[in-house]
């Protein structure tokens, strides 16, 4: 048997990028997958087709996480379709990449609605579907939770709050047999990373990636599959004694001192 045989995983923001990689890895490990997405139906259907090619069941489910009230009904549909949830991976995020003094109230509200309010609503809806079995919750954070990044002030604050929720939920849900952990990816090559580099900080993407690689101890950029591999471990039986932690996966980039960055020509 595969390690996740017979389990049902829900992955938010799963139509592309890291979410897609996570859903496909969990499917290869044996899980049926709910591919939760906001607007890219074609991409979500492509992920569903790939999951099904792995021999697993899949469901594309459109949910507007900016409206937390929509989360409960979505999980009711999941319960009807699969009868259970074993794994919840909260990957979706969105924000307006603007300086803090230019942020609008609705942008702040939407960022926290997706990363915090809908996450809490998803956990509350998923836990009853996990009853009687080991459950796994994984929240995808980001380095903006502890490092200041241009245009990331609001999202960074939301991700820092998300990591705090990981600890609180781990304490509360542990007696129910549910572990809660976070994954904090460093520089991962995705469409979103390219958009931020080119539009957010006005850099040539290929040149920026080369500079990051030169600074990274493992001498390569991260991939969605790297993040998916860590998530796959956290939701496995082998991680049953690991909870309340947010694990940084960045190839060692953030261990370098400012002096080492200067030496590397940053």
C-alpha atoms as a PDB file:
ATOM      1  CA  UNK A   1       0.000   0.000   0.000  1.00  0.00           C
ATOM      2  CA  UNK A   2       1.009   3.585  -0.618  1.00  0.00           C
ATOM      3  CA  UNK A   3       1.532   5.671   2.537  1.00  0.00           C
ATOM      4  CA  UNK A   4      -1.660   7.716   2.106  1.00  0.00           C
ATOM      5  CA  UNK A   5      -3.825   4.952   0.630  1.00  0.00           C
ATOM      6  CA  UNK A   6      -7.523   5.489   1.405  1.00  0.00           C
ATOM      7  CA  UNK A   7      -7.133   9.030   2.729  1.00  0.00           C
ATOM      8  CA  UNK A   8      -8.763  12.204   1.469  1.00  0.00           C
ATOM      9  CA  UNK A   9      -6.764  15.417   1.107  1.00  0.00           C
ATOM     10  CA  UNK A  10      -8.095  18.928   0.609  1.00  0.00           C
ATOM     11  CA  UNK A  11      -5.611  21.417  -0.870  1.00  0.00           C
ATOM     12  CA  UNK A  12      -6.548  25.069  -1.267  1.00  0.00           C
ATOM     13  CA  UNK A  13      -5.072  27.094  -4.103  1.00  0.00           C
ATOM     14  CA  UNK A  14      -4.344  23.812  -5.864  1.00  0.00           C
ATOM     15  CA  UNK A  15      -4.834  24.781  -9.507  1.00  0.00           C
ATOM     16  CA  UNK A  16      -1.222  25.926  -9.974  1.00  0.00           C
ATOM     17  CA  UNK A  17       2.167  26.475  -8.359  1.00  0.00           C
ATOM     18  CA  UNK A  18       2.930  24.923  -5.010  1.00  0.00           C
ATOM     19  CA  UNK A  19      -0.671  23.885  -4.428  1.00  0.00           C
ATOM     20  CA  UNK A  20      -0.701  21.882  -7.639  1.00  0.00           C
ATOM     21  CA  UNK A  21       2.600  20.199  -6.750  1.00  0.00           C
ATOM     22  CA  UNK A  22       1.283  19.328  -3.298  1.00  0.00           C
ATOM     23  CA  UNK A  23      -1.970  17.842  -4.596  1.00  0.00           C
ATOM     24  CA  UNK A  24      -0.139  15.699  -7.157  1.00  0.00           C
ATOM     25  CA  UNK A  25       2.406  14.451  -4.612  1.00  0.00           C
ATOM     26  CA  UNK A  26      -0.328  13.462  -2.176  1.00  0.00           C
ATOM     27  CA  UNK A  27      -2.141  11.672  -5.005  1.00  0.00           C
ATOM     28  CA  UNK A  28       1.012   9.773  -5.935  1.00  0.00           C
ATOM     29  CA  UNK A  29       1.240   8.765  -2.274  1.00  0.00           C
ATOM     30  CA  UNK A  30      -2.264   7.337  -2.476  1.00  0.00           C
ATOM     31  CA  UNK A  31      -4.640  10.109  -1.374  1.00  0.00           C
ATOM     32  CA  UNK A  32      -7.854  11.134  -3.088  1.00  0.00           C
ATOM     33  CA  UNK A  33      -7.715  14.909  -3.608  1.00  0.00           C
ATOM     34  CA  UNK A  34     -10.044  17.872  -3.501  1.00  0.00           C
ATOM     35  CA  UNK A  35      -8.534  20.556  -5.733  1.00  0.00           C
ATOM     36  CA  UNK A  36      -9.851  23.812  -4.295  1.00  0.00           C
ATOM     37  CA  UNK A  37      -9.484  26.856  -6.539  1.00  0.00           C
ATOM     38  CA  UNK A  38     -10.869  30.365  -6.998  1.00  0.00           C
ATOM     39  CA  UNK A  39     -11.165  31.092 -10.726  1.00  0.00           C
ATOM     40  CA  UNK A  40      -8.862  28.991 -12.931  1.00  0.00           C
ATOM     41  CA  UNK A  41     -11.230  26.120 -13.722  1.00  0.00           C
ATOM     42  CA  UNK A  42      -9.229  24.887 -16.701  1.00  0.00           C
ATOM     43  CA  UNK A  43      -6.076  24.507 -14.616  1.00  0.00           C
ATOM     44  CA  UNK A  44      -8.017  22.895 -11.782  1.00  0.00           C
ATOM     45  CA  UNK A  45      -9.499  20.371 -14.214  1.00  0.00           C
ATOM     46  CA  UNK A  46      -5.991  19.584 -15.471  1.00  0.00           C
ATOM     47  CA  UNK A  47      -4.881  18.819 -11.910  1.00  0.00           C
ATOM     48  CA  UNK A  48      -7.954  16.622 -11.426  1.00  0.00           C
ATOM     49  CA  UNK A  49      -7.084  14.716 -14.595  1.00  0.00           C
ATOM     50  CA  UNK A  50      -3.515  14.166 -13.371  1.00  0.00           C
ATOM     51  CA  UNK A  51      -4.744  12.965  -9.986  1.00  0.00           C
ATOM     52  CA  UNK A  52      -7.061  10.521 -11.704  1.00  0.00           C
ATOM     53  CA  UNK A  53      -4.173   9.246 -13.828  1.00  0.00           C
ATOM     54  CA  UNK A  54      -2.554   8.318 -10.518  1.00  0.00           C
ATOM     55  CA  UNK A  55      -5.555   6.069  -9.920  1.00  0.00           C
ATOM     56  CA  UNK A  56      -7.094   8.333  -7.304  1.00  0.00           C
ATOM     57  CA  UNK A  57     -10.443  10.095  -7.053  1.00  0.00           C
ATOM     58  CA  UNK A  58     -10.462  13.855  -7.446  1.00  0.00           C
ATOM     59  CA  UNK A  59     -12.866  16.786  -7.233  1.00  0.00           C
ATOM     60  CA  UNK A  60     -12.336  20.345  -8.453  1.00  0.00           C
ATOM     61  CA  UNK A  61     -14.166  22.686  -6.089  1.00  0.00           C
ATOM     62  CA  UNK A  62     -14.488  26.413  -6.706  1.00  0.00           C
ATOM     63  CA  UNK A  63     -14.482  28.379  -3.455  1.00  0.00           C
ATOM     64  CA  UNK A  64     -14.061  32.099  -2.868  1.00  0.00           C
ATOM     65  CA  UNK A  65     -11.901  32.078   0.269  1.00  0.00           C
ATOM     66  CA  UNK A  66     -12.233  35.842   0.439  1.00  0.00           C
ATOM     67  CA  UNK A  67     -15.751  35.032   1.693  1.00  0.00           C
ATOM     68  CA  UNK A  68     -15.191  32.820   4.773  1.00  0.00           C
ATOM     69  CA  UNK A  69     -18.905  32.031   4.948  1.00  0.00           C
ATOM     70  CA  UNK A  70     -18.492  29.975   1.748  1.00  0.00           C
ATOM     71  CA  UNK A  71     -16.069  27.556   3.399  1.00  0.00           C
ATOM     72  CA  UNK A  72     -18.551  25.566   5.498  1.00  0.00           C
ATOM     73  CA  UNK A  73     -20.825  24.715   2.551  1.00  0.00           C
ATOM     74  CA  UNK A  74     -17.773  23.673   0.527  1.00  0.00           C
ATOM     75  CA  UNK A  75     -16.773  21.144   3.179  1.00  0.00           C
ATOM     76  CA  UNK A  76     -20.355  19.893   3.324  1.00  0.00           C
ATOM     77  CA  UNK A  77     -19.980  19.051  -0.374  1.00  0.00           C
ATOM     78  CA  UNK A  78     -16.687  17.314   0.348  1.00  0.00           C
ATOM     79  CA  UNK A  79     -18.356  15.286   3.087  1.00  0.00           C
ATOM     80  CA  UNK A  80     -21.120  14.263   0.695  1.00  0.00           C
ATOM     81  CA  UNK A  81     -18.615  13.287  -2.018  1.00  0.00           C
ATOM     82  CA  UNK A  82     -15.978  11.480   0.065  1.00  0.00           C
ATOM     83  CA  UNK A  83     -17.481  10.951   3.513  1.00  0.00           C
ATOM     84  CA  UNK A  84     -14.307  12.056   5.262  1.00  0.00           C
ATOM     85  CA  UNK A  85     -11.322  14.402   5.322  1.00  0.00           C
ATOM     86  CA  UNK A  86      -7.936  13.223   6.568  1.00  0.00           C
ATOM     87  CA  UNK A  87      -5.638  15.995   5.348  1.00  0.00           C
ATOM     88  CA  UNK A  88      -6.129  19.746   5.016  1.00  0.00           C
ATOM     89  CA  UNK A  89      -3.417  21.801   3.325  1.00  0.00           C
ATOM     90  CA  UNK A  90      -4.072  25.548   3.465  1.00  0.00           C
ATOM     91  CA  UNK A  91      -2.014  26.926   0.601  1.00  0.00           C
ATOM     92  CA  UNK A  92      -4.135  29.708  -0.920  1.00  0.00           C
ATOM     93  CA  UNK A  93      -3.125  33.329  -0.387  1.00  0.00           C
ATOM     94  CA  UNK A  94      -3.675  36.675  -2.088  1.00  0.00           C
ATOM     95  CA  UNK A  95      -2.890  40.304  -1.403  1.00  0.00           C
ATOM     96  CA  UNK A  96      -2.269  43.669  -3.026  1.00  0.00           C
ATOM     97  CA  UNK A  97       1.507  44.116  -3.256  1.00  0.00           C
ATOM     98  CA  UNK A  98       1.626  47.788  -2.292  1.00  0.00           C
ATOM     99  CA  UNK A  99       3.536  49.890   0.247  1.00  0.00           C
ATOM    100  CA  UNK A 100       1.766  49.960   3.591  1.00  0.00           C
ATOM    101  CA  UNK A 101       0.884  53.638   3.267  1.00  0.00           C
ATOM    102  CA  UNK A 102      -0.943  52.861   0.018  1.00  0.00           C
ATOM    103  CA  UNK A 103      -2.896  49.830   1.229  1.00  0.00           C
ATOM    104  CA  UNK A 104      -6.661  50.080   1.033  1.00  0.00           C
ATOM    105  CA  UNK A 105      -8.913  48.790   3.788  1.00  0.00           C
ATOM    106  CA  UNK A 106     -10.571  46.247   1.500  1.00  0.00           C
ATOM    107  CA  UNK A 107      -7.156  44.849   0.496  1.00  0.00           C
ATOM    108  CA  UNK A 108      -6.187  44.342   4.131  1.00  0.00           C
ATOM    109  CA  UNK A 109      -9.542  42.720   4.882  1.00  0.00           C
ATOM    110  CA  UNK A 110      -9.322  40.369   1.884  1.00  0.00           C
ATOM    111  CA  UNK A 111      -5.757  39.277   2.702  1.00  0.00           C
ATOM    112  CA  UNK A 112      -6.710  38.313   6.248  1.00  0.00           C
ATOM    113  CA  UNK A 113     -10.007  36.787   5.127  1.00  0.00           C
ATOM    114  CA  UNK A 114      -8.157  34.332   2.879  1.00  0.00           C
ATOM    115  CA  UNK A 115      -5.154  33.532   5.068  1.00  0.00           C
ATOM    116  CA  UNK A 116      -6.758  33.654   8.514  1.00  0.00           C
ATOM    117  CA  UNK A 117     -10.557  33.692   8.587  1.00  0.00           C
ATOM    118  CA  UNK A 118     -11.016  31.052   5.908  1.00  0.00           C
ATOM    119  CA  UNK A 119      -8.257  28.918   7.416  1.00  0.00           C
ATOM    120  CA  UNK A 120     -10.027  28.913  10.773  1.00  0.00           C
ATOM    121  CA  UNK A 121     -13.335  28.155   9.030  1.00  0.00           C
ATOM    122  CA  UNK A 122     -11.728  25.308   7.075  1.00  0.00           C
ATOM    123  CA  UNK A 123     -10.269  23.725  10.201  1.00  0.00           C
ATOM    124  CA  UNK A 124     -13.585  24.031  12.008  1.00  0.00           C
ATOM    125  CA  UNK A 125     -15.360  22.362   9.086  1.00  0.00           C
ATOM    126  CA  UNK A 126     -12.696  19.686   8.500  1.00  0.00           C
ATOM    127  CA  UNK A 127     -12.268  18.454  12.072  1.00  0.00           C
ATOM    128  CA  UNK A 128     -15.728  16.817  12.298  1.00  0.00           C
ATOM    129  CA  UNK A 129     -14.867  14.915   9.096  1.00  0.00           C
ATOM    130  CA  UNK A 130     -11.626  13.703  10.724  1.00  0.00           C
ATOM    131  CA  UNK A 131     -13.254  12.256  13.827  1.00  0.00           C
ATOM    132  CA  UNK A 132     -11.998   8.866  14.912  1.00  0.00           C
ATOM    133  CA  UNK A 133      -8.938   8.930  12.660  1.00  0.00           C
ATOM    134  CA  UNK A 134      -5.533  10.639  12.740  1.00  0.00           C
ATOM    135  CA  UNK A 135      -5.908  14.010  11.023  1.00  0.00           C
ATOM    136  CA  UNK A 136      -3.317  16.287   9.500  1.00  0.00           C
ATOM    137  CA  UNK A 137      -3.461  20.046   8.995  1.00  0.00           C
ATOM    138  CA  UNK A 138      -0.644  21.866   7.184  1.00  0.00           C
ATOM    139  CA  UNK A 139      -0.545  25.636   6.687  1.00  0.00           C
ATOM    140  CA  UNK A 140       1.718  27.128   4.014  1.00  0.00           C
ATOM    141  CA  UNK A 141       3.405  30.258   5.320  1.00  0.00           C
ATOM    142  CA  UNK A 142       6.150  32.384   3.752  1.00  0.00           C
ATOM    143  CA  UNK A 143       9.388  34.154   4.554  1.00  0.00           C
ATOM    144  CA  UNK A 144       7.508  37.464   4.688  1.00  0.00           C
ATOM    145  CA  UNK A 145       6.246  36.218   8.065  1.00  0.00           C
ATOM    146  CA  UNK A 146       9.645  37.077   9.578  1.00  0.00           C
ATOM    147  CA  UNK A 147      11.495  39.084   6.918  1.00  0.00           C
ATOM    148  CA  UNK A 148      10.393  42.480   5.615  1.00  0.00           C
ATOM    149  CA  UNK A 149       9.699  42.389   1.865  1.00  0.00           C
ATOM    150  CA  UNK A 150       8.691  45.221  -0.450  1.00  0.00           C
ATOM    151  CA  UNK A 151       4.915  45.176  -0.902  1.00  0.00           C
ATOM    152  CA  UNK A 152       4.458  42.208   1.450  1.00  0.00           C
ATOM    153  CA  UNK A 153       3.609  44.041   4.665  1.00  0.00           C
ATOM    154  CA  UNK A 154      -0.018  42.930   4.900  1.00  0.00           C
ATOM    155  CA  UNK A 155       0.554  39.399   3.628  1.00  0.00           C
ATOM    156  CA  UNK A 156       3.555  39.000   5.944  1.00  0.00           C
ATOM    157  CA  UNK A 157       1.402  40.004   8.896  1.00  0.00           C
ATOM    158  CA  UNK A 158      -1.245  37.489   7.868  1.00  0.00           C
ATOM    159  CA  UNK A 159       1.356  34.726   7.498  1.00  0.00           C
ATOM    160  CA  UNK A 160       2.822  35.542  10.927  1.00  0.00           C
ATOM    161  CA  UNK A 161      -0.688  35.236  12.366  1.00  0.00           C
ATOM    162  CA  UNK A 162      -1.082  31.941  10.506  1.00  0.00           C
ATOM    163  CA  UNK A 163       2.023  30.542  12.206  1.00  0.00           C
ATOM    164  CA  UNK A 164       0.605  31.586  15.576  1.00  0.00           C
ATOM    165  CA  UNK A 165      -2.596  29.715  14.754  1.00  0.00           C
ATOM    166  CA  UNK A 166      -0.535  26.619  13.943  1.00  0.00           C
ATOM    167  CA  UNK A 167       0.699  26.561  17.530  1.00  0.00           C
ATOM    168  CA  UNK A 168      -2.694  27.207  19.104  1.00  0.00           C
ATOM    169  CA  UNK A 169      -4.483  24.666  16.931  1.00  0.00           C
ATOM    170  CA  UNK A 170      -1.798  22.056  17.588  1.00  0.00           C
ATOM    171  CA  UNK A 171      -2.418  22.430  21.308  1.00  0.00           C
ATOM    172  CA  UNK A 172      -6.190  22.208  20.965  1.00  0.00           C
ATOM    173  CA  UNK A 173      -6.433  19.461  18.369  1.00  0.00           C
ATOM    174  CA  UNK A 174      -3.647  17.199  19.605  1.00  0.00           C
ATOM    175  CA  UNK A 175      -5.941  15.354  22.050  1.00  0.00           C
ATOM    176  CA  UNK A 176      -8.188  14.549  19.063  1.00  0.00           C
ATOM    177  CA  UNK A 177      -5.320  12.860  17.242  1.00  0.00           C
ATOM    178  CA  UNK A 178      -4.867  15.758  14.807  1.00  0.00           C
ATOM    179  CA  UNK A 179      -1.485  17.326  14.185  1.00  0.00           C
ATOM    180  CA  UNK A 180      -1.076  20.890  12.894  1.00  0.00           C
ATOM    181  CA  UNK A 181       2.132  22.140  11.320  1.00  0.00           C
ATOM    182  CA  UNK A 182       3.332  24.907   9.048  1.00  0.00           C
ATOM    183  CA  UNK A 183       5.680  24.965   6.079  1.00  0.00           C
ATOM    184  CA  UNK A 184       7.586  28.164   5.350  1.00  0.00           C
ATOM    185  CA  UNK A 185       9.033  28.082   1.823  1.00  0.00           C
ATOM    186  CA  UNK A 186      11.954  30.263   0.853  1.00  0.00           C
ATOM    187  CA  UNK A 187      12.523  31.208  -2.774  1.00  0.00           C
ATOM    188  CA  UNK A 188      10.498  28.751  -4.842  1.00  0.00           C
ATOM    189  CA  UNK A 189      10.341  29.046  -8.633  1.00  0.00           C
ATOM    190  CA  UNK A 190       6.665  29.575  -9.446  1.00  0.00           C
ATOM    191  CA  UNK A 191       4.585  31.879 -11.632  1.00  0.00           C
ATOM    192  CA  UNK A 192       3.863  33.972  -8.538  1.00  0.00           C
ATOM    193  CA  UNK A 193       7.576  34.343  -7.760  1.00  0.00           C
ATOM    194  CA  UNK A 194       8.269  35.501 -11.300  1.00  0.00           C
ATOM    195  CA  UNK A 195       5.444  38.024 -11.164  1.00  0.00           C
ATOM    196  CA  UNK A 196       6.707  39.437  -7.865  1.00  0.00           C
ATOM    197  CA  UNK A 197      10.312  39.714  -9.049  1.00  0.00           C
ATOM    198  CA  UNK A 198       9.373  41.403 -12.314  1.00  0.00           C
ATOM    199  CA  UNK A 199       6.526  43.618 -11.124  1.00  0.00           C
ATOM    200  CA  UNK A 200       7.100  43.940  -7.402  1.00  0.00           C
ATOM    201  CA  UNK A 201      10.817  44.721  -7.342  1.00  0.00           C
ATOM    202  CA  UNK A 202      11.391  45.427 -11.059  1.00  0.00           C
ATOM    203  CA  UNK A 203      14.154  42.870 -11.599  1.00  0.00           C
ATOM    204  CA  UNK A 204      14.909  40.574 -14.518  1.00  0.00           C
ATOM    205  CA  UNK A 205      13.692  37.191 -13.376  1.00  0.00           C
ATOM    206  CA  UNK A 206      16.513  35.039 -14.785  1.00  0.00           C
ATOM    207  CA  UNK A 207      19.173  37.331 -13.328  1.00  0.00           C
ATOM    208  CA  UNK A 208      17.425  37.454  -9.968  1.00  0.00           C
ATOM    209  CA  UNK A 209      17.177  33.653  -9.807  1.00  0.00           C
ATOM    210  CA  UNK A 210      20.878  33.332 -10.618  1.00  0.00           C
ATOM    211  CA  UNK A 211      21.773  35.730  -7.778  1.00  0.00           C
ATOM    212  CA  UNK A 212      19.601  33.829  -5.319  1.00  0.00           C
ATOM    213  CA  UNK A 213      21.147  30.519  -6.370  1.00  0.00           C
ATOM    214  CA  UNK A 214      24.635  31.957  -5.869  1.00  0.00           C
ATOM    215  CA  UNK A 215      23.691  32.826  -2.281  1.00  0.00           C
ATOM    216  CA  UNK A 216      21.923  29.549  -1.474  1.00  0.00           C
ATOM    217  CA  UNK A 217      24.129  26.891   0.180  1.00  0.00           C
ATOM    218  CA  UNK A 218      22.624  24.066  -1.899  1.00  0.00           C
ATOM    219  CA  UNK A 219      23.214  26.151  -5.056  1.00  0.00           C
ATOM    220  CA  UNK A 220      19.785  25.844  -6.584  1.00  0.00           C
ATOM    221  CA  UNK A 221      16.358  27.404  -6.337  1.00  0.00           C
ATOM    222  CA  UNK A 222      13.507  25.588  -4.663  1.00  0.00           C
ATOM    223  CA  UNK A 223      10.688  23.872  -6.541  1.00  0.00           C
ATOM    224  CA  UNK A 224       7.086  23.108  -5.803  1.00  0.00           C
ATOM    225  CA  UNK A 225       8.092  19.463  -5.555  1.00  0.00           C
ATOM    226  CA  UNK A 226      10.521  20.333  -2.728  1.00  0.00           C
ATOM    227  CA  UNK A 227       7.675  21.878  -0.752  1.00  0.00           C
ATOM    228  CA  UNK A 228       5.349  19.002  -1.639  1.00  0.00           C
ATOM    229  CA  UNK A 229       7.880  16.490  -0.338  1.00  0.00           C
ATOM    230  CA  UNK A 230       7.930  18.191   3.056  1.00  0.00           C
ATOM    231  CA  UNK A 231       4.134  18.359   3.165  1.00  0.00           C
ATOM    232  CA  UNK A 232       3.952  14.670   2.253  1.00  0.00           C
ATOM    233  CA  UNK A 233       6.133  13.851   5.247  1.00  0.00           C
ATOM    234  CA  UNK A 234       4.124  16.048   7.632  1.00  0.00           C
ATOM    235  CA  UNK A 235       0.873  14.316   6.694  1.00  0.00           C
ATOM    236  CA  UNK A 236       2.360  10.824   6.901  1.00  0.00           C
ATOM    237  CA  UNK A 237       2.156   8.394   9.806  1.00  0.00           C
ATOM    238  CA  UNK A 238       5.868   8.953  10.379  1.00  0.00           C
ATOM    239  CA  UNK A 239       5.190  12.532  11.507  1.00  0.00           C
ATOM    240  CA  UNK A 240       2.586  11.662  14.136  1.00  0.00           C
ATOM    241  CA  UNK A 241       4.736  13.044  16.985  1.00  0.00           C
ATOM    242  CA  UNK A 242       5.496  16.326  15.183  1.00  0.00           C
ATOM    243  CA  UNK A 243       3.044  19.161  15.773  1.00  0.00           C
ATOM    244  CA  UNK A 244       2.904  22.896  16.375  1.00  0.00           C
ATOM    245  CA  UNK A 245       6.002  23.547  14.268  1.00  0.00           C
ATOM    246  CA  UNK A 246       6.584  25.744  11.233  1.00  0.00           C
ATOM    247  CA  UNK A 247       9.450  24.317   9.202  1.00  0.00           C
ATOM    248  CA  UNK A 248      11.554  26.570   7.000  1.00  0.00           C
ATOM    249  CA  UNK A 249      12.522  25.038   3.656  1.00  0.00           C
ATOM    250  CA  UNK A 250      14.850  27.391   1.789  1.00  0.00           C
ATOM    251  CA  UNK A 251      18.025  25.512   0.863  1.00  0.00           C
ATOM    252  CA  UNK A 252      19.811  27.264   3.711  1.00  0.00           C
ATOM    253  CA  UNK A 253      19.461  30.781   2.280  1.00  0.00           C
ATOM    254  CA  UNK A 254      18.350  32.475   5.496  1.00  0.00           C
ATOM    255  CA  UNK A 255      21.187  31.054   7.595  1.00  0.00           C
ATOM    256  CA  UNK A 256      23.666  33.370   5.881  1.00  0.00           C
ATOM    257  CA  UNK A 257      24.829  36.488   7.667  1.00  0.00           C
ATOM    258  CA  UNK A 258      24.785  39.910   5.913  1.00  0.00           C
ATOM    259  CA  UNK A 259      28.592  39.629   5.590  1.00  0.00           C
ATOM    260  CA  UNK A 260      28.297  36.385   3.670  1.00  0.00           C
ATOM    261  CA  UNK A 261      25.757  38.024   1.389  1.00  0.00           C
ATOM    262  CA  UNK A 262      28.217  40.838   0.691  1.00  0.00           C
ATOM    263  CA  UNK A 263      30.935  38.312  -0.015  1.00  0.00           C
ATOM    264  CA  UNK A 264      28.702  36.563  -2.499  1.00  0.00           C
ATOM    265  CA  UNK A 265      28.141  39.841  -4.310  1.00  0.00           C
ATOM    266  CA  UNK A 266      24.550  40.368  -3.272  1.00  0.00           C
END
